[in-house]
Amino acid sequence: MTKARKENSTGVLSPLWETVFLLLPILTALAALCIGRIGIAPADMFRSLWAHLAKGELLPDQMETVLWKIRFPRILLALLVGAGLSTAGCAFQSLFSNPLATPDTLGVASGASFGAALGLLIGLNLIGVQLISLFFGVIAVLLTWISGAGRGRGLNSMVLAGIMVGSLFSALVSLIKFTADTETKLPSITYWLMGSLDSAGYGTLLLGAPWILAGILVLYLLRWRLNVLPLSEEEAKASGTNIRALRIVSVLCATAITASCVSMCGQVGWVGLLVPHICRMKFGNNHLSLLPASIFTGAAFLVIVDTVARSASAAEIPISILTAIIGAPFFIILMRRSGGWQM
């Protein structure tokens, strides 16, 4: 056991770490408001913020539009998606006792991606794409549950069923792309599947944010019980925990979070794998500290990545490309330094 894990055996974050995690998403969000193809000085950003709060003098219309109609909803979406995917990844890694578990372990992201691709193919608007994406994300998890759950079956059966269902919906996505018009539909479907937050708006946030926030809140309130997830049913019963109900609630919350994230911005890889892993290496396996750390770190991480994606070049870079470029080497370095990770 490392020194960090010993220090966090009680599961309580120190006041210093609590302050760091609270400030990290706020500071990254404020910085992201100023950064972009149209640069805005921090003083102007704070002046505009104060004007909206205290009815002062606003900035020129172009700057106000960039700040509060384009960047602000996008940053809110990045905070929600980063926090949500990190939370879902943390829950699934504990549930399946597997450091490689991701928010798509049960096929929800593949199902939601198929729904969104279908919605784009038939010409639905953004709200329609969100709704059909959420619907098929839930359908994917139901198929996984029907296939892998049952008396005498363990969690490995669920994982295998999730892989099969995910493969099925991935094939259906390929079928959608094969039949889509190459001039009008295929480019938008392909770009959406690579992940992007450029469609962020207050309307899409109103539809998708409640699912993410509700899932995060429930898992946060149950964080002291999530330590029981890796235990066997006999061990869990000895601790007085209804492990079956806890697993069902964890799966439902993680599914709602993942489906909503994918419905709003496509597939965003690596966040749900990398961020919980980093936090686990620092704070250990106790979810009293691990889950809050994952929530705030994931939120800040995705804001930073999205800011780079929209400002590094003239054409916006799909966010999953950046998360993979950043995540894969970083993950390898962490594994080399730590000698691997055991739950």
Protein backbone atom coordinates (compact mmCIF):
# COMPACT_ATOMS: atom_id res chain seq x y z
CA MET A 1 0.00 0.00 0.00
CA THR A 2 1.38 3.37 -0.99
CA LYS A 3 1.75 6.30 1.32
CA ALA A 4 -1.10 8.10 -0.44
CA ARG A 5 -3.42 5.17 0.15
CA LYS A 6 -2.45 4.94 3.81
CA GLU A 7 -3.13 8.62 4.27
CA ASN A 8 -6.57 8.24 2.73
CA SER A 9 -7.57 5.02 4.47
CA THR A 10 -10.26 6.95 6.37
CA GLY A 11 -11.70 8.08 3.04
CA VAL A 12 -11.92 11.75 4.05
CA LEU A 13 -10.29 14.38 1.87
CA SER A 14 -8.14 16.90 3.68
CA PRO A 15 -9.34 20.53 3.70
CA LEU A 16 -6.54 21.39 1.28
CA TRP A 17 -7.65 18.80 -1.27
CA GLU A 18 -11.29 19.82 -0.84
CA THR A 19 -10.34 23.40 -1.66
CA VAL A 20 -8.25 22.32 -4.65
CA PHE A 21 -11.05 20.20 -6.10
CA LEU A 22 -13.66 22.91 -5.61
CA LEU A 23 -11.50 25.60 -7.24
CA LEU A 24 -10.11 23.50 -10.10
CA PRO A 25 -13.26 23.36 -12.29
CA ILE A 26 -14.12 26.99 -11.52
CA LEU A 27 -10.68 28.30 -12.47
CA THR A 28 -10.47 26.20 -15.63
CA ALA A 29 -13.96 27.35 -16.67
CA LEU A 30 -13.07 31.03 -16.16
CA ALA A 31 -9.86 30.59 -18.12
CA ALA A 32 -11.73 28.78 -20.92
CA LEU A 33 -14.15 31.72 -21.23
CA CYS A 34 -11.20 33.93 -22.19
CA ILE A 35 -9.48 31.53 -24.59
CA GLY A 36 -10.52 30.98 -28.19
CA ARG A 37 -10.20 32.29 -31.71
CA ILE A 38 -11.55 35.56 -30.36
CA GLY A 39 -9.43 36.28 -27.31
CA ILE A 40 -11.07 38.09 -24.43
CA ALA A 41 -9.05 39.68 -21.64
CA PRO A 42 -9.77 38.35 -18.14
CA ALA A 43 -10.61 41.88 -16.99
CA ASP A 44 -13.27 42.19 -19.71
CA MET A 45 -14.67 38.77 -18.87
CA PHE A 46 -15.01 39.67 -15.18
CA ARG A 47 -16.48 43.06 -16.11
CA SER A 48 -19.13 41.34 -18.22
CA LEU A 49 -19.83 38.82 -15.48
CA TRP A 50 -20.26 41.61 -12.93
CA ALA A 51 -22.50 43.53 -15.34
CA HIS A 52 -24.85 40.55 -15.65
CA LEU A 53 -24.93 40.05 -11.89
CA ALA A 54 -25.23 43.71 -10.89
CA LYS A 55 -26.87 45.24 -13.99
CA GLY A 56 -23.78 47.18 -15.01
CA GLU A 57 -22.48 48.20 -18.42
CA LEU A 58 -22.17 45.30 -20.86
CA LEU A 59 -19.40 44.63 -23.33
CA PRO A 60 -19.91 45.05 -27.10
CA ASP A 61 -22.53 42.69 -28.53
CA GLN A 62 -20.01 40.45 -30.28
CA MET A 63 -18.06 39.80 -27.10
CA GLU A 64 -21.23 39.22 -25.09
CA THR A 65 -22.42 36.70 -27.67
CA VAL A 66 -19.11 34.86 -27.68
CA LEU A 67 -18.94 34.73 -23.90
CA TRP A 68 -22.47 33.80 -22.87
CA LYS A 69 -24.18 32.30 -25.92
CA ILE A 70 -21.32 30.29 -27.42
CA ARG A 71 -18.60 29.56 -24.85
CA PHE A 72 -20.54 29.47 -21.59
CA PRO A 73 -23.05 26.70 -22.53
CA ARG A 74 -20.20 24.74 -24.09
CA ILE A 75 -18.12 25.00 -20.92
CA LEU A 76 -21.12 23.95 -18.83
CA LEU A 77 -21.53 20.91 -21.10
CA ALA A 78 -17.83 20.06 -20.77
CA LEU A 79 -18.07 20.28 -16.97
CA LEU A 80 -21.13 18.03 -16.91
CA VAL A 81 -19.82 15.45 -19.37
CA GLY A 82 -16.37 15.31 -17.78
CA ALA A 83 -17.81 14.88 -14.30
CA GLY A 84 -20.43 12.42 -15.49
CA LEU A 85 -18.15 10.13 -17.47
CA SER A 86 -15.59 10.10 -14.66
CA THR A 87 -18.30 9.17 -12.17
CA ALA A 88 -19.68 6.42 -14.40
CA GLY A 89 -16.20 5.05 -15.04
CA CYS A 90 -15.40 5.05 -11.33
CA ALA A 91 -18.61 3.16 -10.54
CA PHE A 92 -18.08 0.56 -13.26
CA GLN A 93 -14.44 -0.04 -12.32
CA SER A 94 -15.52 -0.80 -8.78
CA LEU A 95 -18.58 -2.80 -9.80
CA PHE A 96 -16.62 -5.12 -12.09
CA SER A 97 -13.34 -4.98 -10.10
CA ASN A 98 -11.64 -4.16 -13.37
CA PRO A 99 -9.36 -1.16 -13.99
CA LEU A 100 -10.22 -1.29 -17.71
CA ALA A 101 -13.96 -0.91 -17.18
CA THR A 102 -15.37 2.17 -18.90
CA PRO A 103 -18.78 3.88 -19.11
CA ASP A 104 -19.44 1.75 -22.23
CA THR A 105 -18.87 -1.58 -20.48
CA LEU A 106 -22.57 -2.47 -20.79
CA GLY A 107 -22.92 -1.18 -24.36
CA VAL A 108 -24.76 2.03 -23.51
CA ALA A 109 -22.47 4.34 -25.53
CA SER A 110 -22.72 2.12 -28.61
CA GLY A 111 -26.50 2.03 -28.33
CA ALA A 112 -26.73 5.80 -27.85
CA SER A 113 -24.38 6.33 -30.80
CA PHE A 114 -26.61 4.19 -33.02
CA GLY A 115 -29.64 6.20 -31.93
CA ALA A 116 -27.92 9.49 -32.72
CA ALA A 117 -26.67 8.22 -36.10
CA LEU A 118 -30.21 7.08 -36.93
CA GLY A 119 -31.60 10.45 -35.88
CA LEU A 120 -29.12 12.29 -38.08
CA LEU A 121 -29.88 9.96 -40.98
CA ILE A 122 -33.62 10.64 -40.88
CA GLY A 123 -33.07 14.38 -40.41
CA LEU A 124 -34.15 15.00 -36.81
CA ASN A 125 -33.19 18.24 -35.09
CA LEU A 126 -30.74 18.30 -32.18
CA ILE A 127 -33.41 17.71 -29.55
CA GLY A 128 -34.78 14.79 -31.56
CA VAL A 129 -31.30 13.33 -31.93
CA GLN A 130 -30.83 13.61 -28.16
CA LEU A 131 -34.10 11.85 -27.40
CA ILE A 132 -33.60 8.95 -29.78
CA SER A 133 -30.00 8.59 -28.61
CA LEU A 134 -31.12 8.36 -24.97
CA PHE A 135 -33.77 5.81 -25.96
CA PHE A 136 -31.37 3.45 -27.71
CA GLY A 137 -28.80 3.83 -24.93
CA VAL A 138 -31.38 2.49 -22.48
CA ILE A 139 -32.37 -0.25 -24.95
CA ALA A 140 -28.73 -1.38 -25.17
CA VAL A 141 -28.43 -1.74 -21.40
CA LEU A 142 -31.75 -3.60 -21.19
CA LEU A 143 -30.49 -6.07 -23.81
CA THR A 144 -27.27 -6.49 -21.86
CA TRP A 145 -29.19 -7.05 -18.63
CA ILE A 146 -31.52 -9.60 -20.23
CA SER A 147 -28.59 -11.45 -21.81
CA GLY A 148 -26.14 -11.41 -18.91
CA ALA A 149 -28.19 -11.31 -15.71
CA GLY A 150 -29.88 -14.23 -14.04
CA ARG A 151 -29.62 -16.77 -11.29
CA GLY A 152 -26.18 -18.33 -11.09
CA ARG A 153 -24.59 -15.78 -13.41
CA GLY A 154 -21.83 -13.49 -12.22
CA LEU A 155 -20.67 -10.05 -13.24
CA ASN A 156 -18.43 -11.55 -15.91
CA SER A 157 -21.55 -12.62 -17.77
CA MET A 158 -22.72 -9.00 -17.75
CA VAL A 159 -19.39 -7.82 -19.13
CA LEU A 160 -19.48 -10.40 -21.92
CA ALA A 161 -23.09 -9.52 -22.74
CA GLY A 162 -22.14 -5.84 -22.83
CA ILE A 163 -19.33 -6.55 -25.28
CA MET A 164 -21.71 -8.47 -27.54
CA VAL A 165 -24.43 -5.83 -27.41
CA GLY A 166 -21.86 -3.09 -28.00
CA SER A 167 -20.57 -4.97 -31.04
CA LEU A 168 -24.11 -5.34 -32.35
CA PHE A 169 -24.84 -1.63 -32.13
CA SER A 170 -21.41 -0.77 -33.55
CA ALA A 171 -22.29 -2.90 -36.57
CA LEU A 172 -25.61 -1.09 -36.86
CA VAL A 173 -23.77 2.25 -36.78
CA SER A 174 -21.57 1.01 -39.62
CA LEU A 175 -24.72 0.04 -41.52
CA ILE A 176 -26.12 3.53 -41.01
CA LYS A 177 -22.89 5.07 -42.32
CA PHE A 178 -22.89 2.69 -45.30
CA THR A 179 -26.41 3.70 -46.31
CA ALA A 180 -26.06 7.44 -45.58
CA ASP A 181 -25.71 9.94 -48.38
CA THR A 182 -21.99 10.64 -48.77
CA GLU A 183 -22.52 14.32 -49.55
CA THR A 184 -25.00 15.41 -46.90
CA LYS A 185 -25.54 12.85 -44.13
CA LEU A 186 -22.32 10.84 -43.81
CA PRO A 187 -19.98 13.75 -42.90
CA SER A 188 -22.25 14.93 -40.08
CA ILE A 189 -22.68 11.39 -38.71
CA THR A 190 -18.94 10.69 -38.84
CA TYR A 191 -18.06 14.01 -37.19
CA TRP A 192 -20.66 13.54 -34.47
CA LEU A 193 -19.41 10.03 -33.67
CA MET A 194 -15.89 11.40 -33.08
CA GLY A 195 -17.25 13.59 -30.30
CA SER A 196 -17.73 17.33 -30.22
CA LEU A 197 -19.23 19.91 -27.90
CA ASP A 198 -19.92 22.47 -30.63
CA SER A 199 -23.69 21.80 -30.58
CA ALA A 200 -23.94 22.88 -26.94
CA GLY A 201 -26.85 25.14 -26.17
CA TYR A 202 -29.13 25.90 -23.27
CA GLY A 203 -31.92 23.81 -24.82
CA THR A 204 -29.80 20.66 -25.09
CA LEU A 205 -28.48 21.23 -21.57
CA LEU A 206 -32.00 21.46 -20.15
CA LEU A 207 -32.80 18.07 -21.67
CA GLY A 208 -29.59 16.21 -20.87
CA ALA A 209 -28.21 17.82 -17.71
CA PRO A 210 -30.88 16.52 -15.26
CA TRP A 211 -30.00 12.89 -16.08
CA ILE A 212 -26.29 13.52 -15.50
CA LEU A 213 -26.79 15.54 -12.33
CA ALA A 214 -29.25 13.02 -10.89
CA GLY A 215 -26.91 10.10 -11.58
CA ILE A 216 -23.92 11.89 -10.07
CA LEU A 217 -25.93 12.96 -7.01
CA VAL A 218 -27.23 9.46 -6.26
CA LEU A 219 -23.78 7.88 -6.63
CA TYR A 220 -22.26 10.65 -4.52
CA LEU A 221 -24.78 10.09 -1.74
CA LEU A 222 -24.08 6.34 -1.91
CA ARG A 223 -20.30 6.75 -2.13
CA TRP A 224 -19.73 5.29 1.34
CA ARG A 225 -21.54 2.11 0.18
CA LEU A 226 -19.72 1.82 -3.17
CA ASN A 227 -16.74 0.30 -1.36
CA VAL A 228 -18.87 -2.84 -1.02
CA LEU A 229 -19.34 -3.28 -4.79
CA PRO A 230 -16.24 -5.45 -5.39
CA LEU A 231 -17.20 -7.85 -2.55
CA SER A 232 -18.94 -11.16 -3.04
CA GLU A 233 -22.59 -11.51 -2.10
CA GLU A 234 -21.73 -13.39 1.09
CA GLU A 235 -19.27 -10.72 2.22
CA ALA A 236 -21.73 -7.95 1.37
CA LYS A 237 -24.51 -9.63 3.34
CA ALA A 238 -22.20 -9.87 6.34
CA SER A 239 -21.80 -6.09 6.19
CA GLY A 240 -25.58 -5.62 6.13
CA THR A 241 -25.70 -4.33 2.53
CA ASN A 242 -28.21 -5.39 -0.10
CA ILE A 243 -25.56 -5.85 -2.77
CA ARG A 244 -28.03 -6.67 -5.54
CA ALA A 245 -29.99 -3.45 -5.02
CA LEU A 246 -26.74 -1.46 -4.80
CA ARG A 247 -25.50 -2.92 -8.08
CA ILE A 248 -28.79 -2.20 -9.82
CA VAL A 249 -28.79 1.42 -8.62
CA SER A 250 -25.13 1.85 -9.65
CA VAL A 251 -25.80 0.45 -13.12
CA LEU A 252 -28.91 2.59 -13.60
CA CYS A 253 -27.12 5.79 -12.53
CA ALA A 254 -24.04 5.11 -14.66
CA THR A 255 -26.25 4.22 -17.62
CA ALA A 256 -28.32 7.40 -17.34
CA ILE A 257 -25.15 9.48 -17.10
CA THR A 258 -23.42 7.83 -20.07
CA ALA A 259 -26.47 7.82 -22.34
CA SER A 260 -27.10 11.49 -21.66
CA CYS A 261 -23.45 12.42 -22.27
CA VAL A 262 -23.33 10.54 -25.57
CA SER A 263 -26.67 11.99 -26.67
CA MET A 264 -25.37 15.54 -26.26
CA CYS A 265 -21.84 15.34 -27.65
CA GLY A 266 -21.15 11.93 -29.19
CA GLN A 267 -18.61 9.43 -27.98
CA VAL A 268 -15.93 10.95 -25.76
CA GLY A 269 -13.40 8.28 -24.97
CA TRP A 270 -10.76 7.91 -22.26
CA VAL A 271 -12.29 10.29 -19.71
CA GLY A 272 -14.14 7.54 -17.86
CA LEU A 273 -11.05 5.32 -17.90
CA LEU A 274 -8.17 7.70 -17.29
CA VAL A 275 -9.53 10.13 -14.67
CA PRO A 276 -10.79 7.55 -12.13
CA HIS A 277 -7.55 5.63 -12.56
CA ILE A 278 -5.43 8.70 -11.76
CA CYS A 279 -7.58 9.53 -8.74
CA ARG A 280 -7.47 5.93 -7.52
CA MET A 281 -3.68 5.93 -7.66
CA LYS A 282 -3.58 9.09 -5.57
CA PHE A 283 -6.41 8.51 -3.08
CA GLY A 284 -6.79 4.74 -3.03
CA ASN A 285 -9.98 2.69 -3.34
CA ASN A 286 -12.11 4.40 -0.72
CA HIS A 287 -14.98 6.07 -2.56
CA LEU A 288 -15.46 8.68 0.16
CA SER A 289 -12.48 10.46 -1.37
CA LEU A 290 -12.20 8.70 -4.74
CA LEU A 291 -15.61 9.65 -6.12
CA PRO A 292 -15.46 13.41 -5.32
CA ALA A 293 -11.91 13.52 -6.70
CA SER A 294 -13.07 11.84 -9.92
CA ILE A 295 -16.03 14.20 -10.31
CA PHE A 296 -14.06 17.44 -10.04
CA THR A 297 -10.95 16.21 -11.86
CA GLY A 298 -13.03 14.89 -14.75
CA ALA A 299 -14.91 18.17 -15.07
CA ALA A 300 -11.70 20.23 -15.20
CA PHE A 301 -9.98 17.75 -17.52
CA LEU A 302 -12.67 17.90 -20.20
CA VAL A 303 -12.89 21.70 -20.06
CA ILE A 304 -9.15 21.87 -20.73
CA VAL A 305 -9.31 19.34 -23.57
CA ASP A 306 -12.30 21.05 -25.20
CA THR A 307 -10.61 24.45 -24.97
CA VAL A 308 -7.62 23.02 -26.84
CA ALA A 309 -9.94 21.34 -29.37
CA ARG A 310 -11.70 24.57 -30.31
CA SER A 311 -8.74 26.93 -30.23
CA ALA A 312 -5.64 24.98 -31.33
CA SER A 313 -6.39 25.25 -35.05
CA ALA A 314 -8.72 26.98 -37.51
CA ALA A 315 -10.81 23.81 -37.82
CA GLU A 316 -12.10 22.32 -34.59
CA ILE A 317 -10.49 19.04 -33.60
CA PRO A 318 -12.90 16.22 -32.64
CA ILE A 319 -12.59 15.82 -28.91
CA SER A 320 -12.13 12.04 -28.87
CA ILE A 321 -9.01 12.42 -30.97
CA LEU A 322 -7.48 14.71 -28.36
CA THR A 323 -8.54 12.59 -25.38
CA ALA A 324 -6.93 9.55 -27.01
CA ILE A 325 -3.74 11.43 -27.92
CA ILE A 326 -3.47 12.77 -24.36
CA GLY A 327 -4.86 9.78 -22.53
CA ALA A 328 -3.06 6.82 -24.08
CA PRO A 329 0.55 8.01 -23.51
CA PHE A 330 -0.32 9.39 -20.08
CA PHE A 331 -1.96 6.12 -19.10
CA ILE A 332 1.10 4.15 -20.25
CA ILE A 333 3.42 6.42 -18.24
CA LEU A 334 1.26 6.02 -15.15
CA MET A 335 1.24 2.25 -15.52
CA ARG A 336 5.02 2.17 -15.95
CA ARG A 337 5.63 4.32 -12.87
CA SER A 338 3.17 2.52 -10.66
CA GLY A 339 3.93 -1.00 -11.84
CA GLY A 340 0.28 -1.55 -12.66
CA TRP A 341 -2.86 -1.29 -10.57
CA GLN A 342 -4.70 -3.82 -8.52
CA MET A 343 -8.09 -3.20 -7.00
